[in-house]
């Protein structure tokens, strides 16, 4: 990645030194960005990096987070590159090549975000459908879910920005609540203050305390009240 940034800087410097080559250098720079973007998608999103040749056994959440940050860094740089070349080229010159690769990089960033979220979605769905509202608490399904939440956090927290981690866990938490809500309806458990309601509350406290320990979400999204929407509205206690 460092070499790639150095190359981009060289293109910009050479365009300034030899103005007549600016248009050609802009095109080649757009091609360079396109190659990086395409290879990132193929190797990581398309899992082509998994092979005996590379020795990579699987695409990890850390791999996904790294490629997302690399693409976001390039997206941050592109406007500066555009400004540089706009200063060197006629006003009528269009930046369509850069605009196109920027659009594609944004799309790939969204794809990575979706894939990161999808890592835990099947685990949450499977475990909650196996869950039975009975002692002991915390149940094995809730322990498995929390363990996977911690593992994902350890894999991405040193790569992604704090707000990106929070956004990822906000989506995961929404999936958790959606699946749990469906399971509660299926099991006919309501928030009526009864034994099963109390058991669900204890499970939720365990889940929320585990999220608090890894600090993946803001405090206001980790209170017991933040879980009120797992109960259907017509059954909610006022």
C-alpha atoms as a PDB file:
ATOM      1  CA  UNK A   1       0.000   0.000   0.000  1.00  0.00           C
ATOM      2  CA  UNK A   2       2.876   2.357   0.793  1.00  0.00           C
ATOM      3  CA  UNK A   3       4.375   1.723  -2.644  1.00  0.00           C
ATOM      4  CA  UNK A   4       0.999   2.430  -4.235  1.00  0.00           C
ATOM      5  CA  UNK A   5       0.741   5.793  -2.491  1.00  0.00           C
ATOM      6  CA  UNK A   6       4.298   6.625  -3.526  1.00  0.00           C
ATOM      7  CA  UNK A   7       3.394   5.858  -7.162  1.00  0.00           C
ATOM      8  CA  UNK A   8       0.371   8.154  -7.016  1.00  0.00           C
ATOM      9  CA  UNK A   9       2.511  10.935  -5.611  1.00  0.00           C
ATOM     10  CA  UNK A  10       5.014  10.369  -8.439  1.00  0.00           C
ATOM     11  CA  UNK A  11       2.261  10.684 -11.060  1.00  0.00           C
ATOM     12  CA  UNK A  12       1.169  13.985  -9.546  1.00  0.00           C
ATOM     13  CA  UNK A  13       4.733  15.325  -9.325  1.00  0.00           C
ATOM     14  CA  UNK A  14       5.576  14.319 -12.897  1.00  0.00           C
ATOM     15  CA  UNK A  15       2.372  15.909 -14.181  1.00  0.00           C
ATOM     16  CA  UNK A  16       3.431  19.176 -12.579  1.00  0.00           C
ATOM     17  CA  UNK A  17       6.999  18.923 -13.877  1.00  0.00           C
ATOM     18  CA  UNK A  18       5.975  18.037 -17.446  1.00  0.00           C
ATOM     19  CA  UNK A  19       2.634  19.717 -18.018  1.00  0.00           C
ATOM     20  CA  UNK A  20       2.151  18.328 -21.520  1.00  0.00           C
ATOM     21  CA  UNK A  21       1.899  14.800 -20.078  1.00  0.00           C
ATOM     22  CA  UNK A  22      -0.773  15.698 -17.491  1.00  0.00           C
ATOM     23  CA  UNK A  23      -3.726  14.296 -19.413  1.00  0.00           C
ATOM     24  CA  UNK A  24      -1.940  11.026 -20.156  1.00  0.00           C
ATOM     25  CA  UNK A  25      -0.683  10.687 -16.587  1.00  0.00           C
ATOM     26  CA  UNK A  26      -4.182  11.256 -15.225  1.00  0.00           C
ATOM     27  CA  UNK A  27      -5.478   8.437 -17.388  1.00  0.00           C
ATOM     28  CA  UNK A  28      -2.693   6.100 -16.287  1.00  0.00           C
ATOM     29  CA  UNK A  29      -3.247   7.014 -12.637  1.00  0.00           C
ATOM     30  CA  UNK A  30      -6.952   6.199 -12.981  1.00  0.00           C
ATOM     31  CA  UNK A  31      -5.944   2.854 -14.517  1.00  0.00           C
ATOM     32  CA  UNK A  32      -3.616   2.193 -11.575  1.00  0.00           C
ATOM     33  CA  UNK A  33      -6.420   2.867  -9.096  1.00  0.00           C
ATOM     34  CA  UNK A  34      -8.729   0.658 -11.129  1.00  0.00           C
ATOM     35  CA  UNK A  35      -6.252  -2.222 -11.011  1.00  0.00           C
ATOM     36  CA  UNK A  36      -5.868  -1.915  -7.239  1.00  0.00           C
ATOM     37  CA  UNK A  37      -9.636  -1.754  -6.796  1.00  0.00           C
ATOM     38  CA  UNK A  38     -10.281  -4.752  -9.071  1.00  0.00           C
ATOM     39  CA  UNK A  39      -7.559  -6.864  -7.488  1.00  0.00           C
ATOM     40  CA  UNK A  40      -8.860  -6.048  -4.007  1.00  0.00           C
ATOM     41  CA  UNK A  41     -12.315  -7.222  -5.005  1.00  0.00           C
ATOM     42  CA  UNK A  42     -11.041 -10.377  -6.694  1.00  0.00           C
ATOM     43  CA  UNK A  43      -8.561 -11.413  -4.029  1.00  0.00           C
ATOM     44  CA  UNK A  44     -10.567 -10.592  -0.923  1.00  0.00           C
ATOM     45  CA  UNK A  45     -14.260 -10.278  -1.796  1.00  0.00           C
ATOM     46  CA  UNK A  46     -13.949 -12.968  -4.462  1.00  0.00           C
ATOM     47  CA  UNK A  47     -11.665 -15.033  -2.188  1.00  0.00           C
ATOM     48  CA  UNK A  48      -9.148 -15.638  -4.995  1.00  0.00           C
ATOM     49  CA  UNK A  49      -6.358 -15.064  -2.465  1.00  0.00           C
ATOM     50  CA  UNK A  50      -7.277 -18.392  -0.878  1.00  0.00           C
ATOM     51  CA  UNK A  51      -4.978 -20.911  -2.519  1.00  0.00           C
ATOM     52  CA  UNK A  52      -2.081 -23.278  -1.930  1.00  0.00           C
ATOM     53  CA  UNK A  53       0.154 -20.785  -3.698  1.00  0.00           C
ATOM     54  CA  UNK A  54      -0.511 -17.970  -1.203  1.00  0.00           C
ATOM     55  CA  UNK A  55      -0.854 -20.284   1.783  1.00  0.00           C
ATOM     56  CA  UNK A  56      -4.012 -18.411   2.824  1.00  0.00           C
ATOM     57  CA  UNK A  57      -6.653 -20.841   4.068  1.00  0.00           C
ATOM     58  CA  UNK A  58      -9.545 -18.401   4.323  1.00  0.00           C
ATOM     59  CA  UNK A  59     -10.460 -14.734   4.092  1.00  0.00           C
ATOM     60  CA  UNK A  60     -10.591 -13.516   7.673  1.00  0.00           C
ATOM     61  CA  UNK A  61     -12.477 -10.585   9.128  1.00  0.00           C
ATOM     62  CA  UNK A  62      -9.089  -8.859   9.546  1.00  0.00           C
ATOM     63  CA  UNK A  63      -8.417  -9.285   5.805  1.00  0.00           C
ATOM     64  CA  UNK A  64     -11.795  -7.712   5.052  1.00  0.00           C
ATOM     65  CA  UNK A  65     -11.201  -4.831   7.441  1.00  0.00           C
ATOM     66  CA  UNK A  66      -7.753  -4.131   5.965  1.00  0.00           C
ATOM     67  CA  UNK A  67      -8.972  -3.979   2.380  1.00  0.00           C
ATOM     68  CA  UNK A  68     -11.853  -1.732   3.420  1.00  0.00           C
ATOM     69  CA  UNK A  69      -9.479   0.719   5.105  1.00  0.00           C
ATOM     70  CA  UNK A  70      -7.141   0.660   2.103  1.00  0.00           C
ATOM     71  CA  UNK A  71     -10.008   1.524  -0.240  1.00  0.00           C
ATOM     72  CA  UNK A  72     -11.235   4.238   2.113  1.00  0.00           C
ATOM     73  CA  UNK A  73      -7.750   5.761   2.175  1.00  0.00           C
ATOM     74  CA  UNK A  74      -7.757   5.920  -1.620  1.00  0.00           C
ATOM     75  CA  UNK A  75     -11.240   7.446  -1.579  1.00  0.00           C
ATOM     76  CA  UNK A  76      -9.895  10.126   0.731  1.00  0.00           C
ATOM     77  CA  UNK A  77      -6.990  10.777  -1.652  1.00  0.00           C
ATOM     78  CA  UNK A  78      -8.965  10.945  -4.915  1.00  0.00           C
ATOM     79  CA  UNK A  79     -10.441  14.457  -4.366  1.00  0.00           C
ATOM     80  CA  UNK A  80      -6.919  15.776  -3.721  1.00  0.00           C
ATOM     81  CA  UNK A  81      -5.707  14.124  -6.926  1.00  0.00           C
ATOM     82  CA  UNK A  82      -8.609  15.666  -8.840  1.00  0.00           C
ATOM     83  CA  UNK A  83      -7.814  19.130  -7.494  1.00  0.00           C
ATOM     84  CA  UNK A  84      -4.173  18.701  -8.457  1.00  0.00           C
ATOM     85  CA  UNK A  85      -4.922  17.739 -12.060  1.00  0.00           C
ATOM     86  CA  UNK A  86      -7.719  20.295 -12.453  1.00  0.00           C
ATOM     87  CA  UNK A  87      -5.112  22.936 -11.741  1.00  0.00           C
ATOM     88  CA  UNK A  88      -2.877  21.560 -14.486  1.00  0.00           C
ATOM     89  CA  UNK A  89      -5.450  20.733 -17.160  1.00  0.00           C
ATOM     90  CA  UNK A  90      -7.927  22.860 -19.146  1.00  0.00           C
ATOM     91  CA  UNK A  91     -11.223  23.572 -17.387  1.00  0.00           C
ATOM     92  CA  UNK A  92     -13.082  21.522 -19.992  1.00  0.00           C
ATOM     93  CA  UNK A  93     -11.202  18.344 -19.018  1.00  0.00           C
ATOM     94  CA  UNK A  94     -13.515  15.798 -17.429  1.00  0.00           C
ATOM     95  CA  UNK A  95     -12.508  13.562 -14.556  1.00  0.00           C
ATOM     96  CA  UNK A  96     -14.812  10.742 -15.647  1.00  0.00           C
ATOM     97  CA  UNK A  97     -12.145   8.029 -15.264  1.00  0.00           C
ATOM     98  CA  UNK A  98     -11.520   8.993 -11.640  1.00  0.00           C
ATOM     99  CA  UNK A  99     -15.239   9.389 -11.002  1.00  0.00           C
ATOM    100  CA  UNK A 100     -15.862   5.886 -12.303  1.00  0.00           C
ATOM    101  CA  UNK A 101     -13.202   4.190 -10.199  1.00  0.00           C
ATOM    102  CA  UNK A 102     -14.337   6.190  -7.152  1.00  0.00           C
ATOM    103  CA  UNK A 103     -17.871   4.881  -7.605  1.00  0.00           C
ATOM    104  CA  UNK A 104     -16.581   1.324  -7.887  1.00  0.00           C
ATOM    105  CA  UNK A 105     -14.409   1.660  -4.777  1.00  0.00           C
ATOM    106  CA  UNK A 106     -17.373   2.965  -2.779  1.00  0.00           C
ATOM    107  CA  UNK A 107     -19.385  -0.019  -3.960  1.00  0.00           C
ATOM    108  CA  UNK A 108     -16.650  -2.408  -2.847  1.00  0.00           C
ATOM    109  CA  UNK A 109     -16.434  -0.721   0.558  1.00  0.00           C
ATOM    110  CA  UNK A 110     -20.174  -1.332   0.989  1.00  0.00           C
ATOM    111  CA  UNK A 111     -19.675  -4.950  -0.094  1.00  0.00           C
ATOM    112  CA  UNK A 112     -16.980  -5.430   2.550  1.00  0.00           C
ATOM    113  CA  UNK A 113     -19.201  -3.877   5.221  1.00  0.00           C
ATOM    114  CA  UNK A 114     -21.994  -6.253   4.231  1.00  0.00           C
ATOM    115  CA  UNK A 115     -19.626  -9.227   4.310  1.00  0.00           C
ATOM    116  CA  UNK A 116     -18.325  -8.296   7.779  1.00  0.00           C
ATOM    117  CA  UNK A 117     -21.887  -8.121   9.049  1.00  0.00           C
ATOM    118  CA  UNK A 118     -22.711 -11.426   7.357  1.00  0.00           C
ATOM    119  CA  UNK A 119     -19.963 -13.249   9.284  1.00  0.00           C
ATOM    120  CA  UNK A 120     -22.030 -13.330  12.488  1.00  0.00           C
ATOM    121  CA  UNK A 121     -25.545 -13.303  11.049  1.00  0.00           C
ATOM    122  CA  UNK A 122     -25.797 -17.097  10.476  1.00  0.00           C
ATOM    123  CA  UNK A 123     -24.230 -17.796  13.887  1.00  0.00           C
ATOM    124  CA  UNK A 124     -26.728 -15.538  15.661  1.00  0.00           C
ATOM    125  CA  UNK A 125     -29.644 -17.027  13.729  1.00  0.00           C
ATOM    126  CA  UNK A 126     -28.621 -20.629  14.372  1.00  0.00           C
ATOM    127  CA  UNK A 127     -27.856 -20.163  18.063  1.00  0.00           C
ATOM    128  CA  UNK A 128     -31.026 -18.235  18.882  1.00  0.00           C
ATOM    129  CA  UNK A 129     -33.175 -20.811  17.109  1.00  0.00           C
ATOM    130  CA  UNK A 130     -31.549 -23.501  19.241  1.00  0.00           C
ATOM    131  CA  UNK A 131     -32.053 -21.426  22.384  1.00  0.00           C
ATOM    132  CA  UNK A 132     -34.620 -22.541  24.961  1.00  0.00           C
ATOM    133  CA  UNK A 133     -35.896 -20.167  27.606  1.00  0.00           C
ATOM    134  CA  UNK A 134     -34.891 -22.217  30.615  1.00  0.00           C
ATOM    135  CA  UNK A 135     -32.026 -22.348  33.142  1.00  0.00           C
ATOM    136  CA  UNK A 136     -29.101 -22.196  33.380  1.00  0.00           C
ATOM    137  CA  UNK A 137     -28.369 -18.565  32.543  1.00  0.00           C
ATOM    138  CA  UNK A 138     -26.383 -17.596  30.597  1.00  0.00           C
ATOM    139  CA  UNK A 139     -27.399 -20.324  28.195  1.00  0.00           C
ATOM    140  CA  UNK A 140     -24.937 -21.951  25.787  1.00  0.00           C
ATOM    141  CA  UNK A 141     -26.390 -20.125  22.733  1.00  0.00           C
ATOM    142  CA  UNK A 142     -25.925 -16.729  24.390  1.00  0.00           C
ATOM    143  CA  UNK A 143     -22.397 -17.681  25.451  1.00  0.00           C
ATOM    144  CA  UNK A 144     -21.527 -18.736  21.885  1.00  0.00           C
ATOM    145  CA  UNK A 145     -22.915 -15.491  20.434  1.00  0.00           C
ATOM    146  CA  UNK A 146     -20.992 -13.360  22.923  1.00  0.00           C
ATOM    147  CA  UNK A 147     -17.791 -15.301  22.307  1.00  0.00           C
ATOM    148  CA  UNK A 148     -18.103 -14.692  18.561  1.00  0.00           C
ATOM    149  CA  UNK A 149     -18.797 -11.007  19.171  1.00  0.00           C
ATOM    150  CA  UNK A 150     -15.565 -10.761  21.153  1.00  0.00           C
ATOM    151  CA  UNK A 151     -13.568 -12.628  18.498  1.00  0.00           C
ATOM    152  CA  UNK A 152     -14.806 -10.331  15.747  1.00  0.00           C
ATOM    153  CA  UNK A 153     -14.001  -7.263  17.835  1.00  0.00           C
ATOM    154  CA  UNK A 154     -10.457  -8.504  18.461  1.00  0.00           C
ATOM    155  CA  UNK A 155     -10.019  -9.037  14.709  1.00  0.00           C
ATOM    156  CA  UNK A 156     -11.229  -5.640  13.494  1.00  0.00           C
ATOM    157  CA  UNK A 157     -10.825  -3.136  16.332  1.00  0.00           C
ATOM    158  CA  UNK A 158      -7.164  -2.405  15.572  1.00  0.00           C
ATOM    159  CA  UNK A 159      -7.911  -1.859  11.885  1.00  0.00           C
ATOM    160  CA  UNK A 160     -11.232  -0.039  11.707  1.00  0.00           C
ATOM    161  CA  UNK A 161     -11.926   3.385  13.148  1.00  0.00           C
ATOM    162  CA  UNK A 162     -13.976   3.477  16.353  1.00  0.00           C
ATOM    163  CA  UNK A 163     -17.064   4.806  14.587  1.00  0.00           C
ATOM    164  CA  UNK A 164     -16.807   2.052  11.957  1.00  0.00           C
ATOM    165  CA  UNK A 165     -16.648  -0.616  14.647  1.00  0.00           C
ATOM    166  CA  UNK A 166     -19.695   0.963  16.302  1.00  0.00           C
ATOM    167  CA  UNK A 167     -21.589   0.966  12.986  1.00  0.00           C
ATOM    168  CA  UNK A 168     -20.720  -2.699  12.407  1.00  0.00           C
ATOM    169  CA  UNK A 169     -21.896  -3.694  15.877  1.00  0.00           C
ATOM    170  CA  UNK A 170     -25.011  -1.566  15.585  1.00  0.00           C
ATOM    171  CA  UNK A 171     -26.021  -3.648  12.549  1.00  0.00           C
ATOM    172  CA  UNK A 172     -25.098  -6.897  14.283  1.00  0.00           C
ATOM    173  CA  UNK A 173     -27.098  -5.873  17.354  1.00  0.00           C
ATOM    174  CA  UNK A 174     -30.097  -5.129  15.138  1.00  0.00           C
ATOM    175  CA  UNK A 175     -29.847  -8.612  13.624  1.00  0.00           C
ATOM    176  CA  UNK A 176     -29.633 -10.102  17.107  1.00  0.00           C
ATOM    177  CA  UNK A 177     -32.783  -8.261  18.216  1.00  0.00           C
ATOM    178  CA  UNK A 178     -34.706  -9.112  15.046  1.00  0.00           C
ATOM    179  CA  UNK A 179     -33.965 -12.835  15.356  1.00  0.00           C
ATOM    180  CA  UNK A 180     -34.618 -12.863  19.113  1.00  0.00           C
ATOM    181  CA  UNK A 181     -37.947 -11.082  18.600  1.00  0.00           C
ATOM    182  CA  UNK A 182     -39.033 -13.780  16.128  1.00  0.00           C
ATOM    183  CA  UNK A 183     -37.988 -16.495  18.561  1.00  0.00           C
ATOM    184  CA  UNK A 184     -39.903 -14.918  21.452  1.00  0.00           C
ATOM    185  CA  UNK A 185     -43.047 -14.741  19.320  1.00  0.00           C
ATOM    186  CA  UNK A 186     -42.557 -18.379  18.263  1.00  0.00           C
ATOM    187  CA  UNK A 187     -42.154 -19.429  21.913  1.00  0.00           C
ATOM    188  CA  UNK A 188     -45.056 -17.210  23.039  1.00  0.00           C
ATOM    189  CA  UNK A 189     -42.914 -15.413  25.631  1.00  0.00           C
ATOM    190  CA  UNK A 190     -44.161 -11.951  26.568  1.00  0.00           C
ATOM    191  CA  UNK A 191     -42.919  -9.180  28.834  1.00  0.00           C
ATOM    192  CA  UNK A 192     -45.480  -9.802  31.557  1.00  0.00           C
ATOM    193  CA  UNK A 193     -43.135  -9.990  34.530  1.00  0.00           C
ATOM    194  CA  UNK A 194     -43.418 -13.783  34.685  1.00  0.00           C
ATOM    195  CA  UNK A 195     -40.605 -16.341  35.122  1.00  0.00           C
ATOM    196  CA  UNK A 196     -39.833 -16.629  31.395  1.00  0.00           C
ATOM    197  CA  UNK A 197     -39.787 -12.854  31.010  1.00  0.00           C
ATOM    198  CA  UNK A 198     -37.319 -12.712  33.923  1.00  0.00           C
ATOM    199  CA  UNK A 199     -35.154 -15.385  32.332  1.00  0.00           C
ATOM    200  CA  UNK A 200     -35.007 -13.476  29.030  1.00  0.00           C
ATOM    201  CA  UNK A 201     -34.061 -10.342  30.957  1.00  0.00           C
ATOM    202  CA  UNK A 202     -31.186 -12.201  32.647  1.00  0.00           C
ATOM    203  CA  UNK A 203     -29.930 -13.448  29.275  1.00  0.00           C
ATOM    204  CA  UNK A 204     -30.080  -9.907  27.892  1.00  0.00           C
ATOM    205  CA  UNK A 205     -28.137  -8.517  30.852  1.00  0.00           C
ATOM    206  CA  UNK A 206     -25.384 -11.066  30.164  1.00  0.00           C
ATOM    207  CA  UNK A 207     -25.364 -10.123  26.460  1.00  0.00           C
ATOM    208  CA  UNK A 208     -25.259  -6.372  27.160  1.00  0.00           C
ATOM    209  CA  UNK A 209     -22.564  -6.648  29.833  1.00  0.00           C
ATOM    210  CA  UNK A 210     -20.402  -8.578  27.395  1.00  0.00           C
ATOM    211  CA  UNK A 211     -20.805  -5.835  24.786  1.00  0.00           C
ATOM    212  CA  UNK A 212     -19.936  -3.231  27.422  1.00  0.00           C
ATOM    213  CA  UNK A 213     -16.672  -5.010  28.177  1.00  0.00           C
ATOM    214  CA  UNK A 214     -15.465  -4.749  24.592  1.00  0.00           C
ATOM    215  CA  UNK A 215     -16.870  -1.201  24.228  1.00  0.00           C
ATOM    216  CA  UNK A 216     -18.227  -1.924  20.764  1.00  0.00           C
ATOM    217  CA  UNK A 217     -21.296   0.301  21.134  1.00  0.00           C
ATOM    218  CA  UNK A 218     -22.112   3.612  22.846  1.00  0.00           C
ATOM    219  CA  UNK A 219     -23.423   3.349  26.420  1.00  0.00           C
ATOM    220  CA  UNK A 220     -26.916   4.547  25.448  1.00  0.00           C
ATOM    221  CA  UNK A 221     -27.294   1.513  23.165  1.00  0.00           C
ATOM    222  CA  UNK A 222     -26.270  -0.929  25.883  1.00  0.00           C
ATOM    223  CA  UNK A 223     -28.953  -0.295  28.487  1.00  0.00           C
ATOM    224  CA  UNK A 224     -31.707  -2.812  29.142  1.00  0.00           C
ATOM    225  CA  UNK A 225     -34.203  -0.227  27.896  1.00  0.00           C
ATOM    226  CA  UNK A 226     -32.491  -0.293  24.508  1.00  0.00           C
ATOM    227  CA  UNK A 227     -33.768  -3.873  24.118  1.00  0.00           C
ATOM    228  CA  UNK A 228     -37.439  -2.961  24.588  1.00  0.00           C
ATOM    229  CA  UNK A 229     -38.117  -3.377  20.886  1.00  0.00           C
ATOM    230  CA  UNK A 230     -37.614  -7.147  21.048  1.00  0.00           C
ATOM    231  CA  UNK A 231     -41.131  -7.263  22.462  1.00  0.00           C
ATOM    232  CA  UNK A 232     -44.064  -6.783  20.109  1.00  0.00           C
ATOM    233  CA  UNK A 233     -45.695  -3.378  20.623  1.00  0.00           C
ATOM    234  CA  UNK A 234     -49.104  -4.660  21.577  1.00  0.00           C
ATOM    235  CA  UNK A 235     -47.538  -6.659  24.437  1.00  0.00           C
ATOM    236  CA  UNK A 236     -45.233  -3.979  25.797  1.00  0.00           C
ATOM    237  CA  UNK A 237     -45.651  -2.916  29.418  1.00  0.00           C
ATOM    238  CA  UNK A 238     -46.378   0.791  29.782  1.00  0.00           C
END
